[in-house]
């Protein structure tokens, strides 16, 4: 019985470890901001001057959320870039080596 419970616990931990993980960064300056339109979907992205604590493919943070939230996050990034403001707090997830913003707070 203990071995079955141990196996189930190990499996649950492994599944959690392979799911997307959340990370936080603080006090980052924007290097560049961009957007790309495809045939069926558009994507917004940005890069920071300071390195991130995690390895993001191409050093890019993508904004990929439901359209209404994506607009708000991208508006924050555009405001920060055009006003020369810093990102005070950035939260993101990593999926298959790509980083996706879930929270952007500017100062």
PDB file of N, CA and C in Angstrom:
ATOM      1  N   UNK A   1       0.820  -1.189   0.000  1.00  0.00           N
ATOM      2  CA  UNK A   1       0.000   0.000   0.000  1.00  0.00           C
ATOM      3  C   UNK A   1       0.866   1.256   0.000  1.00  0.00           C
ATOM      4  N   UNK A   2       1.941   1.258   0.829  1.00  0.00           N
ATOM      5  CA  UNK A   2       2.826   2.416   0.871  1.00  0.00           C
ATOM      6  C   UNK A   2       3.494   2.644  -0.477  1.00  0.00           C
ATOM      7  N   UNK A   3       3.871   1.558  -1.163  1.00  0.00           N
ATOM      8  CA  UNK A   3       4.536   1.723  -2.455  1.00  0.00           C
ATOM      9  C   UNK A   3       3.579   2.295  -3.501  1.00  0.00           C
ATOM     10  N   UNK A   4       2.314   1.930  -3.439  1.00  0.00           N
ATOM     11  CA  UNK A   4       1.337   2.476  -4.374  1.00  0.00           C
ATOM     12  C   UNK A   4       1.156   3.966  -4.128  1.00  0.00           C
ATOM     13  N   UNK A   5       1.040   4.362  -2.869  1.00  0.00           N
ATOM     14  CA  UNK A   5       0.894   5.775  -2.527  1.00  0.00           C
ATOM     15  C   UNK A   5       2.148   6.544  -2.926  1.00  0.00           C
ATOM     16  N   UNK A   6       3.316   5.967  -2.673  1.00  0.00           N
ATOM     17  CA  UNK A   6       4.571   6.614  -3.050  1.00  0.00           C
ATOM     18  C   UNK A   6       4.654   6.794  -4.564  1.00  0.00           C
ATOM     19  N   UNK A   7       4.249   5.789  -5.310  1.00  0.00           N
ATOM     20  CA  UNK A   7       4.265   5.860  -6.774  1.00  0.00           C
ATOM     21  C   UNK A   7       3.296   6.934  -7.267  1.00  0.00           C
ATOM     22  N   UNK A   8       2.111   6.982  -6.672  1.00  0.00           N
ATOM     23  CA  UNK A   8       1.126   7.991  -7.073  1.00  0.00           C
ATOM     24  C   UNK A   8       1.638   9.397  -6.760  1.00  0.00           C
ATOM     25  N   UNK A   9       2.272   9.574  -5.609  1.00  0.00           N
ATOM     26  CA  UNK A   9       2.820  10.866  -5.227  1.00  0.00           C
ATOM     27  C   UNK A   9       3.949  11.276  -6.172  1.00  0.00           C
ATOM     28  N   UNK A  10       4.828  10.355  -6.483  1.00  0.00           N
ATOM     29  CA  UNK A  10       5.929  10.636  -7.403  1.00  0.00           C
ATOM     30  C   UNK A  10       5.404  11.002  -8.789  1.00  0.00           C
ATOM     31  N   UNK A  11       4.371  10.311  -9.242  1.00  0.00           N
ATOM     32  CA  UNK A  11       3.770  10.621 -10.539  1.00  0.00           C
ATOM     33  C   UNK A  11       3.151  12.009 -10.533  1.00  0.00           C
ATOM     34  N   UNK A  12       2.453  12.356  -9.454  1.00  0.00           N
ATOM     35  CA  UNK A  12       1.839  13.680  -9.348  1.00  0.00           C
ATOM     36  C   UNK A  12       2.908  14.775  -9.343  1.00  0.00           C
ATOM     37  N   UNK A  13       3.994  14.558  -8.630  1.00  0.00           N
ATOM     38  CA  UNK A  13       5.078  15.536  -8.595  1.00  0.00           C
ATOM     39  C   UNK A  13       5.732  15.688  -9.956  1.00  0.00           C
ATOM     40  N   UNK A  14       5.911  14.588 -10.658  1.00  0.00           N
ATOM     41  CA  UNK A  14       6.506  14.633 -11.990  1.00  0.00           C
ATOM     42  C   UNK A  14       5.605  15.398 -12.947  1.00  0.00           C
ATOM     43  N   UNK A  15       4.306  15.164 -12.872  1.00  0.00           N
ATOM     44  CA  UNK A  15       3.370  15.875 -13.739  1.00  0.00           C
ATOM     45  C   UNK A  15       3.388  17.361 -13.432  1.00  0.00           C
ATOM     46  N   UNK A  16       3.491  17.722 -12.182  1.00  0.00           N
ATOM     47  CA  UNK A  16       3.563  19.122 -11.792  1.00  0.00           C
ATOM     48  C   UNK A  16       4.851  19.747 -12.301  1.00  0.00           C
ATOM     49  N   UNK A  17       5.940  19.018 -12.221  1.00  0.00           N
ATOM     50  CA  UNK A  17       7.231  19.537 -12.651  1.00  0.00           C
ATOM     51  C   UNK A  17       7.284  19.747 -14.150  1.00  0.00           C
ATOM     52  N   UNK A  18       6.565  18.938 -14.922  1.00  0.00           N
ATOM     53  CA  UNK A  18       6.605  19.086 -16.369  1.00  0.00           C
ATOM     54  C   UNK A  18       5.589  20.094 -16.870  1.00  0.00           C
ATOM     55  N   UNK A  19       4.685  20.543 -16.029  1.00  0.00           N
ATOM     56  CA  UNK A  19       3.730  21.584 -16.421  1.00  0.00           C
ATOM     57  C   UNK A  19       4.460  22.916 -16.457  1.00  0.00           C
ATOM     58  N   UNK A  20       3.794  23.945 -16.939  1.00  0.00           N
ATOM     59  CA  UNK A  20       4.431  25.247 -16.999  1.00  0.00           C
ATOM     60  C   UNK A  20       4.683  25.757 -15.580  1.00  0.00           C
ATOM     61  N   UNK A  21       5.818  26.406 -15.407  1.00  0.00           N
ATOM     62  CA  UNK A  21       6.208  26.939 -14.112  1.00  0.00           C
ATOM     63  C   UNK A  21       6.100  28.454 -14.136  1.00  0.00           C
ATOM     64  N   UNK A  22       5.753  29.046 -13.006  1.00  0.00           N
ATOM     65  CA  UNK A  22       5.650  30.496 -12.931  1.00  0.00           C
ATOM     66  C   UNK A  22       6.892  31.108 -12.303  1.00  0.00           C
ATOM     67  N   UNK A  23       7.329  32.231 -12.848  1.00  0.00           N
ATOM     68  CA  UNK A  23       8.513  32.924 -12.364  1.00  0.00           C
ATOM     69  C   UNK A  23       8.208  34.408 -12.229  1.00  0.00           C
ATOM     70  N   UNK A  24       8.929  35.070 -11.358  1.00  0.00           N
ATOM     71  CA  UNK A  24       8.771  36.508 -11.149  1.00  0.00           C
ATOM     72  C   UNK A  24      10.100  37.208 -11.369  1.00  0.00           C
ATOM     73  N   UNK A  25      10.033  38.394 -11.939  1.00  0.00           N
ATOM     74  CA  UNK A  25      11.198  39.253 -12.155  1.00  0.00           C
ATOM     75  C   UNK A  25      10.828  40.646 -11.654  1.00  0.00           C
ATOM     76  N   UNK A  26      11.836  41.416 -11.286  1.00  0.00           N
ATOM     77  CA  UNK A  26      11.598  42.756 -10.765  1.00  0.00           C
ATOM     78  C   UNK A  26      12.564  43.755 -11.389  1.00  0.00           C
ATOM     79  N   UNK A  27      12.077  44.983 -11.572  1.00  0.00           N
ATOM     80  CA  UNK A  27      12.899  46.114 -12.022  1.00  0.00           C
ATOM     81  C   UNK A  27      13.659  45.816 -13.315  1.00  0.00           C
ATOM     82  N   UNK A  28      12.911  45.676 -14.392  1.00  0.00           N
ATOM     83  CA  UNK A  28      13.483  45.420 -15.712  1.00  0.00           C
ATOM     84  C   UNK A  28      13.189  46.593 -16.636  1.00  0.00           C
ATOM     85  N   UNK A  29      14.170  46.947 -17.457  1.00  0.00           N
ATOM     86  CA  UNK A  29      13.998  47.993 -18.468  1.00  0.00           C
ATOM     87  C   UNK A  29      13.675  47.336 -19.803  1.00  0.00           C
ATOM     88  N   UNK A  30      12.819  47.993 -20.564  1.00  0.00           N
ATOM     89  CA  UNK A  30      12.441  47.439 -21.861  1.00  0.00           C
ATOM     90  C   UNK A  30      13.504  47.726 -22.911  1.00  0.00           C
ATOM     91  N   UNK A  31      13.838  46.710 -23.673  1.00  0.00           N
ATOM     92  CA  UNK A  31      14.763  46.852 -24.795  1.00  0.00           C
ATOM     93  C   UNK A  31      13.987  47.072 -26.082  1.00  0.00           C
ATOM     94  N   UNK A  32      13.008  46.210 -26.330  1.00  0.00           N
ATOM     95  CA  UNK A  32      12.190  46.354 -27.535  1.00  0.00           C
ATOM     96  C   UNK A  32      10.806  45.781 -27.299  1.00  0.00           C
ATOM     97  N   UNK A  33       9.862  46.257 -28.103  1.00  0.00           N
ATOM     98  CA  UNK A  33       8.470  45.839 -28.043  1.00  0.00           C
ATOM     99  C   UNK A  33       8.027  45.591 -29.477  1.00  0.00           C
ATOM    100  N   UNK A  34       7.234  44.543 -29.680  1.00  0.00           N
ATOM    101  CA  UNK A  34       6.781  44.273 -31.036  1.00  0.00           C
ATOM    102  C   UNK A  34       5.492  43.479 -31.077  1.00  0.00           C
ATOM    103  N   UNK A  35       4.977  43.349 -32.278  1.00  0.00           N
ATOM    104  CA  UNK A  35       3.777  42.552 -32.509  1.00  0.00           C
ATOM    105  C   UNK A  35       3.866  41.971 -33.907  1.00  0.00           C
ATOM    106  N   UNK A  36       3.273  40.812 -34.066  1.00  0.00           N
ATOM    107  CA  UNK A  36       3.273  40.127 -35.350  1.00  0.00           C
ATOM    108  C   UNK A  36       1.873  39.608 -35.627  1.00  0.00           C
ATOM    109  N   UNK A  37       1.407  39.814 -36.836  1.00  0.00           N
ATOM    110  CA  UNK A  37       0.073  39.344 -37.210  1.00  0.00           C
ATOM    111  C   UNK A  37       0.203  38.156 -38.152  1.00  0.00           C
ATOM    112  N   UNK A  38      -0.469  37.074 -37.786  1.00  0.00           N
ATOM    113  CA  UNK A  38      -0.507  35.906 -38.638  1.00  0.00           C
ATOM    114  C   UNK A  38      -1.846  35.811 -39.344  1.00  0.00           C
ATOM    115  N   UNK A  39      -2.063  34.739 -40.075  1.00  0.00           N
ATOM    116  CA  UNK A  39      -3.327  34.557 -40.785  1.00  0.00           C
ATOM    117  C   UNK A  39      -4.495  34.402 -39.819  1.00  0.00           C
ATOM    118  N   UNK A  40      -4.272  33.690 -38.725  1.00  0.00           N
ATOM    119  CA  UNK A  40      -5.375  33.416 -37.805  1.00  0.00           C
ATOM    120  C   UNK A  40      -5.208  34.053 -36.440  1.00  0.00           C
ATOM    121  N   UNK A  41      -3.997  34.441 -36.080  1.00  0.00           N
ATOM    122  CA  UNK A  41      -3.781  34.993 -34.746  1.00  0.00           C
ATOM    123  C   UNK A  41      -2.613  35.958 -34.751  1.00  0.00           C
ATOM    124  N   UNK A  42      -2.673  36.924 -33.851  1.00  0.00           N
ATOM    125  CA  UNK A  42      -1.565  37.860 -33.687  1.00  0.00           C
ATOM    126  C   UNK A  42      -0.883  37.591 -32.355  1.00  0.00           C
ATOM    127  N   UNK A  43       0.367  38.032 -32.253  1.00  0.00           N
ATOM    128  CA  UNK A  43       1.111  37.838 -31.017  1.00  0.00           C
ATOM    129  C   UNK A  43       1.907  39.109 -30.726  1.00  0.00           C
ATOM    130  N   UNK A  44       1.943  39.497 -29.466  1.00  0.00           N
ATOM    131  CA  UNK A  44       2.751  40.629 -29.020  1.00  0.00           C
ATOM    132  C   UNK A  44       3.913  40.077 -28.201  1.00  0.00           C
ATOM    133  N   UNK A  45       5.007  40.825 -28.166  1.00  0.00           N
ATOM    134  CA  UNK A  45       6.186  40.347 -27.445  1.00  0.00           C
ATOM    135  C   UNK A  45       7.051  41.525 -27.032  1.00  0.00           C
ATOM    136  N   UNK A  46       7.983  41.262 -26.117  1.00  0.00           N
ATOM    137  CA  UNK A  46       8.942  42.283 -25.709  1.00  0.00           C
ATOM    138  C   UNK A  46      10.201  41.617 -25.185  1.00  0.00           C
ATOM    139  N   UNK A  47      11.263  42.434 -25.087  1.00  0.00           N
ATOM    140  CA  UNK A  47      12.542  41.984 -24.553  1.00  0.00           C
ATOM    141  C   UNK A  47      13.009  43.006 -23.528  1.00  0.00           C
ATOM    142  N   UNK A  48      13.737  42.547 -22.526  1.00  0.00           N
ATOM    143  CA  UNK A  48      14.267  43.445 -21.497  1.00  0.00           C
ATOM    144  C   UNK A  48      15.768  43.636 -21.686  1.00  0.00           C
ATOM    145  N   UNK A  49      16.259  44.760 -21.185  1.00  0.00           N
ATOM    146  CA  UNK A  49      17.695  45.023 -21.250  1.00  0.00           C
ATOM    147  C   UNK A  49      18.438  44.093 -20.297  1.00  0.00           C
ATOM    148  N   UNK A  50      17.966  44.050 -19.059  1.00  0.00           N
ATOM    149  CA  UNK A  50      18.605  43.186 -18.063  1.00  0.00           C
ATOM    150  C   UNK A  50      18.229  41.730 -18.351  1.00  0.00           C
ATOM    151  N   UNK A  51      19.154  40.824 -18.110  1.00  0.00           N
ATOM    152  CA  UNK A  51      18.829  39.407 -18.337  1.00  0.00           C
ATOM    153  C   UNK A  51      17.766  38.915 -17.359  1.00  0.00           C
ATOM    154  N   UNK A  52      16.993  37.963 -17.812  1.00  0.00           N
ATOM    155  CA  UNK A  52      15.997  37.315 -16.958  1.00  0.00           C
ATOM    156  C   UNK A  52      16.676  36.213 -16.166  1.00  0.00           C
ATOM    157  N   UNK A  53      16.075  35.823 -15.070  1.00  0.00           N
ATOM    158  CA  UNK A  53      16.661  34.760 -14.241  1.00  0.00           C
ATOM    159  C   UNK A  53      16.504  33.386 -14.895  1.00  0.00           C
ATOM    160  N   UNK A  54      15.554  33.272 -15.812  1.00  0.00           N
ATOM    161  CA  UNK A  54      15.311  32.001 -16.505  1.00  0.00           C
ATOM    162  C   UNK A  54      15.688  32.157 -17.982  1.00  0.00           C
ATOM    163  N   UNK A  55      16.000  31.041 -18.622  1.00  0.00           N
ATOM    164  CA  UNK A  55      16.325  31.067 -20.041  1.00  0.00           C
ATOM    165  C   UNK A  55      15.042  31.043 -20.860  1.00  0.00           C
ATOM    166  N   UNK A  56      14.774  32.130 -21.542  1.00  0.00           N
ATOM    167  CA  UNK A  56      13.637  32.222 -22.448  1.00  0.00           C
ATOM    168  C   UNK A  56      14.194  32.169 -23.867  1.00  0.00           C
ATOM    169  N   UNK A  57      13.627  31.320 -24.680  1.00  0.00           N
ATOM    170  CA  UNK A  57      14.105  31.191 -26.052  1.00  0.00           C
ATOM    171  C   UNK A  57      14.066  32.554 -26.732  1.00  0.00           C
ATOM    172  N   UNK A  58      15.145  32.914 -27.380  1.00  0.00           N
ATOM    173  CA  UNK A  58      15.318  34.191 -28.079  1.00  0.00           C
ATOM    174  C   UNK A  58      15.297  35.399 -27.125  1.00  0.00           C
ATOM    175  N   UNK A  59      15.304  35.174 -25.806  1.00  0.00           N
ATOM    176  CA  UNK A  59      15.219  36.245 -24.799  1.00  0.00           C
ATOM    177  C   UNK A  59      13.961  37.100 -24.982  1.00  0.00           C
ATOM    178  N   UNK A  60      12.891  36.464 -25.411  1.00  0.00           N
ATOM    179  CA  UNK A  60      11.634  37.158 -25.694  1.00  0.00           C
ATOM    180  C   UNK A  60      10.564  36.695 -24.720  1.00  0.00           C
ATOM    181  N   UNK A  61       9.754  37.648 -24.244  1.00  0.00           N
ATOM    182  CA  UNK A  61       8.566  37.340 -23.454  1.00  0.00           C
ATOM    183  C   UNK A  61       7.365  37.594 -24.359  1.00  0.00           C
ATOM    184  N   UNK A  62       6.563  36.572 -24.557  1.00  0.00           N
ATOM    185  CA  UNK A  62       5.379  36.684 -25.409  1.00  0.00           C
ATOM    186  C   UNK A  62       4.152  37.013 -24.558  1.00  0.00           C
ATOM    187  N   UNK A  63       3.221  37.708 -25.173  1.00  0.00           N
ATOM    188  CA  UNK A  63       1.952  38.012 -24.519  1.00  0.00           C
ATOM    189  C   UNK A  63       0.894  37.194 -25.240  1.00  0.00           C
ATOM    190  N   UNK A  64       0.484  36.116 -24.595  1.00  0.00           N
ATOM    191  CA  UNK A  64      -0.470  35.191 -25.206  1.00  0.00           C
ATOM    192  C   UNK A  64      -1.536  34.851 -24.180  1.00  0.00           C
ATOM    193  N   UNK A  65      -2.543  35.638 -24.133  1.00  0.00           N
ATOM    194  CA  UNK A  65      -3.662  35.441 -23.203  1.00  0.00           C
ATOM    195  C   UNK A  65      -4.934  35.650 -24.006  1.00  0.00           C
ATOM    196  N   UNK A  66      -6.091  35.441 -23.393  1.00  0.00           N
ATOM    197  CA  UNK A  66      -7.328  35.792 -24.101  1.00  0.00           C
ATOM    198  C   UNK A  66      -7.238  37.237 -24.595  1.00  0.00           C
ATOM    199  N   UNK A  67      -7.857  37.520 -25.713  1.00  0.00           N
ATOM    200  CA  UNK A  67      -7.675  38.794 -26.395  1.00  0.00           C
ATOM    201  C   UNK A  67      -7.844  40.016 -25.494  1.00  0.00           C
ATOM    202  N   UNK A  68      -8.841  40.031 -24.627  1.00  0.00           N
ATOM    203  CA  UNK A  68      -9.061  41.209 -23.777  1.00  0.00           C
ATOM    204  C   UNK A  68      -7.889  41.426 -22.822  1.00  0.00           C
ATOM    205  N   UNK A  69      -7.370  40.375 -22.218  1.00  0.00           N
ATOM    206  CA  UNK A  69      -6.225  40.506 -21.315  1.00  0.00           C
ATOM    207  C   UNK A  69      -4.955  40.814 -22.098  1.00  0.00           C
ATOM    208  N   UNK A  70      -4.808  40.229 -23.259  1.00  0.00           N
ATOM    209  CA  UNK A  70      -3.629  40.478 -24.094  1.00  0.00           C
ATOM    210  C   UNK A  70      -3.533  41.972 -24.419  1.00  0.00           C
ATOM    211  N   UNK A  71      -4.663  42.598 -24.711  1.00  0.00           N
ATOM    212  CA  UNK A  71      -4.664  44.034 -25.017  1.00  0.00           C
ATOM    213  C   UNK A  71      -4.202  44.855 -23.814  1.00  0.00           C
ATOM    214  N   UNK A  72      -4.666  44.490 -22.627  1.00  0.00           N
ATOM    215  CA  UNK A  72      -4.280  45.224 -21.419  1.00  0.00           C
ATOM    216  C   UNK A  72      -2.784  45.061 -21.158  1.00  0.00           C
ATOM    217  N   UNK A  73      -2.272  43.845 -21.246  1.00  0.00           N
ATOM    218  CA  UNK A  73      -0.844  43.611 -21.011  1.00  0.00           C
ATOM    219  C   UNK A  73      -0.003  44.355 -22.045  1.00  0.00           C
ATOM    220  N   UNK A  74      -0.416  44.306 -23.306  1.00  0.00           N
ATOM    221  CA  UNK A  74       0.343  44.988 -24.357  1.00  0.00           C
ATOM    222  C   UNK A  74       0.273  46.504 -24.176  1.00  0.00           C
ATOM    223  N   UNK A  75      -0.877  47.019 -23.744  1.00  0.00           N
ATOM    224  CA  UNK A  75      -0.994  48.456 -23.477  1.00  0.00           C
ATOM    225  C   UNK A  75      -0.026  48.876 -22.372  1.00  0.00           C
ATOM    226  N   UNK A  76       0.126  48.049 -21.348  1.00  0.00           N
ATOM    227  CA  UNK A  76       1.093  48.329 -20.277  1.00  0.00           C
ATOM    228  C   UNK A  76       2.512  48.403 -20.830  1.00  0.00           C
ATOM    229  N   UNK A  77       2.855  47.454 -21.682  1.00  0.00           N
ATOM    230  CA  UNK A  77       4.204  47.424 -22.261  1.00  0.00           C
ATOM    231  C   UNK A  77       4.431  48.649 -23.149  1.00  0.00           C
ATOM    232  N   UNK A  78       3.456  48.992 -23.977  1.00  0.00           N
ATOM    233  CA  UNK A  78       3.603  50.161 -24.846  1.00  0.00           C
ATOM    234  C   UNK A  78       3.730  51.443 -24.027  1.00  0.00           C
ATOM    235  N   UNK A  79       2.946  51.566 -22.965  1.00  0.00           N
ATOM    236  CA  UNK A  79       3.043  52.731 -22.078  1.00  0.00           C
ATOM    237  C   UNK A  79       4.425  52.821 -21.449  1.00  0.00           C
ATOM    238  N   UNK A  80       4.909  51.688 -20.959  1.00  0.00           N
ATOM    239  CA  UNK A  80       6.229  51.670 -20.327  1.00  0.00           C
ATOM    240  C   UNK A  80       7.316  52.069 -21.326  1.00  0.00           C
ATOM    241  N   UNK A  81       7.255  51.528 -22.525  1.00  0.00           N
ATOM    242  CA  UNK A  81       8.282  51.823 -23.531  1.00  0.00           C
ATOM    243  C   UNK A  81       8.225  53.280 -23.965  1.00  0.00           C
ATOM    244  N   UNK A  82       7.032  53.780 -24.268  1.00  0.00           N
ATOM    245  CA  UNK A  82       6.922  55.156 -24.764  1.00  0.00           C
ATOM    246  C   UNK A  82       7.205  56.198 -23.679  1.00  0.00           C
ATOM    247  N   UNK A  83       7.013  55.846 -22.417  1.00  0.00           N
ATOM    248  CA  UNK A  83       7.246  56.778 -21.307  1.00  0.00           C
ATOM    249  C   UNK A  83       8.575  56.539 -20.614  1.00  0.00           C
ATOM    250  N   UNK A  84       9.359  55.608 -21.145  1.00  0.00           N
ATOM    251  CA  UNK A  84      10.660  55.259 -20.563  1.00  0.00           C
ATOM    252  C   UNK A  84      10.528  54.824 -19.108  1.00  0.00           C
ATOM    253  N   UNK A  85       9.494  54.032 -18.837  1.00  0.00           N
ATOM    254  CA  UNK A  85       9.261  53.497 -17.498  1.00  0.00           C
ATOM    255  C   UNK A  85       9.813  52.074 -17.406  1.00  0.00           C
ATOM    256  N   UNK A  86      10.044  51.616 -16.194  1.00  0.00           N
ATOM    257  CA  UNK A  86      10.517  50.256 -15.957  1.00  0.00           C
ATOM    258  C   UNK A  86       9.358  49.320 -15.665  1.00  0.00           C
ATOM    259  N   UNK A  87       9.614  48.054 -15.922  1.00  0.00           N
ATOM    260  CA  UNK A  87       8.699  47.017 -15.452  1.00  0.00           C
ATOM    261  C   UNK A  87       9.052  46.788 -13.989  1.00  0.00           C
ATOM    262  N   UNK A  88       8.132  47.091 -13.096  1.00  0.00           N
ATOM    263  CA  UNK A  88       8.389  46.880 -11.672  1.00  0.00           C
ATOM    264  C   UNK A  88       8.303  45.406 -11.326  1.00  0.00           C
ATOM    265  N   UNK A  89       7.290  44.741 -11.870  1.00  0.00           N
ATOM    266  CA  UNK A  89       7.110  43.304 -11.605  1.00  0.00           C
ATOM    267  C   UNK A  89       6.612  42.626 -12.871  1.00  0.00           C
ATOM    268  N   UNK A  90       7.227  41.509 -13.177  1.00  0.00           N
ATOM    269  CA  UNK A  90       6.857  40.700 -14.332  1.00  0.00           C
ATOM    270  C   UNK A  90       6.700  39.265 -13.859  1.00  0.00           C
ATOM    271  N   UNK A  91       5.573  38.674 -14.161  1.00  0.00           N
ATOM    272  CA  UNK A  91       5.377  37.250 -13.894  1.00  0.00           C
ATOM    273  C   UNK A  91       5.156  36.564 -15.225  1.00  0.00           C
ATOM    274  N   UNK A  92       5.770  35.387 -15.370  1.00  0.00           N
ATOM    275  CA  UNK A  92       5.668  34.673 -16.634  1.00  0.00           C
ATOM    276  C   UNK A  92       5.780  33.172 -16.410  1.00  0.00           C
ATOM    277  N   UNK A  93       5.327  32.459 -17.419  1.00  0.00           N
ATOM    278  CA  UNK A  93       5.401  31.003 -17.423  1.00  0.00           C
ATOM    279  C   UNK A  93       6.277  30.572 -18.588  1.00  0.00           C
ATOM    280  N   UNK A  94       6.885  29.418 -18.447  1.00  0.00           N
ATOM    281  CA  UNK A  94       7.696  28.861 -19.523  1.00  0.00           C
ATOM    282  C   UNK A  94       7.010  27.598 -20.028  1.00  0.00           C
ATOM    283  N   UNK A  95       6.749  27.576 -21.329  1.00  0.00           N
ATOM    284  CA  UNK A  95       6.165  26.399 -21.980  1.00  0.00           C
ATOM    285  C   UNK A  95       7.018  26.071 -23.188  1.00  0.00           C
ATOM    286  N   UNK A  96       7.606  24.899 -23.184  1.00  0.00           N
ATOM    287  CA  UNK A  96       8.455  24.453 -24.294  1.00  0.00           C
ATOM    288  C   UNK A  96       9.560  25.457 -24.615  1.00  0.00           C
ATOM    289  N   UNK A  97      10.126  26.069 -23.583  1.00  0.00           N
ATOM    290  CA  UNK A  97      11.233  26.995 -23.766  1.00  0.00           C
ATOM    291  C   UNK A  97      10.829  28.420 -24.092  1.00  0.00           C
ATOM    292  N   UNK A  98       9.548  28.649 -24.383  1.00  0.00           N
ATOM    293  CA  UNK A  98       9.062  29.999 -24.671  1.00  0.00           C
ATOM    294  C   UNK A  98       8.443  30.589 -23.411  1.00  0.00           C
ATOM    295  N   UNK A  99       8.633  31.888 -23.204  1.00  0.00           N
ATOM    296  CA  UNK A  99       8.138  32.559 -22.007  1.00  0.00           C
ATOM    297  C   UNK A  99       6.913  33.395 -22.350  1.00  0.00           C
ATOM    298  N   UNK A 100       5.888  33.290 -21.489  1.00  0.00           N
ATOM    299  CA  UNK A 100       4.611  33.972 -21.706  1.00  0.00           C
ATOM    300  C   UNK A 100       4.260  34.788 -20.463  1.00  0.00           C
ATOM    301  N   UNK A 101       4.053  36.092 -20.651  1.00  0.00           N
ATOM    302  CA  UNK A 101       3.709  36.980 -19.535  1.00  0.00           C
ATOM    303  C   UNK A 101       2.328  36.688 -19.012  1.00  0.00           C
ATOM    304  N   UNK A 102       2.201  36.731 -17.691  1.00  0.00           N
ATOM    305  CA  UNK A 102       0.883  36.603 -17.067  1.00  0.00           C
ATOM    306  C   UNK A 102       0.556  37.842 -16.223  1.00  0.00           C
ATOM    307  N   UNK A 103       1.574  38.644 -15.889  1.00  0.00           N
ATOM    308  CA  UNK A 103       1.366  39.880 -15.137  1.00  0.00           C
ATOM    309  C   UNK A 103       2.483  40.855 -15.510  1.00  0.00           C
ATOM    310  N   UNK A 104       2.092  42.082 -15.783  1.00  0.00           N
ATOM    311  CA  UNK A 104       3.067  43.148 -16.085  1.00  0.00           C
ATOM    312  C   UNK A 104       2.661  44.366 -15.284  1.00  0.00           C
ATOM    313  N   UNK A 105       3.546  44.796 -14.391  1.00  0.00           N
ATOM    314  CA  UNK A 105       3.299  45.988 -13.583  1.00  0.00           C
ATOM    315  C   UNK A 105       4.401  46.992 -13.875  1.00  0.00           C
ATOM    316  N   UNK A 106       4.031  48.204 -14.232  1.00  0.00           N
ATOM    317  CA  UNK A 106       5.037  49.215 -14.550  1.00  0.00           C
ATOM    318  C   UNK A 106       5.091  50.264 -13.460  1.00  0.00           C
ATOM    319  N   UNK A 107       6.217  50.965 -13.408  1.00  0.00           N
ATOM    320  CA  UNK A 107       6.344  52.053 -12.413  1.00  0.00           C
ATOM    321  C   UNK A 107       6.596  53.348 -13.116  1.00  0.00           C
TER     322      UNK A 107
END
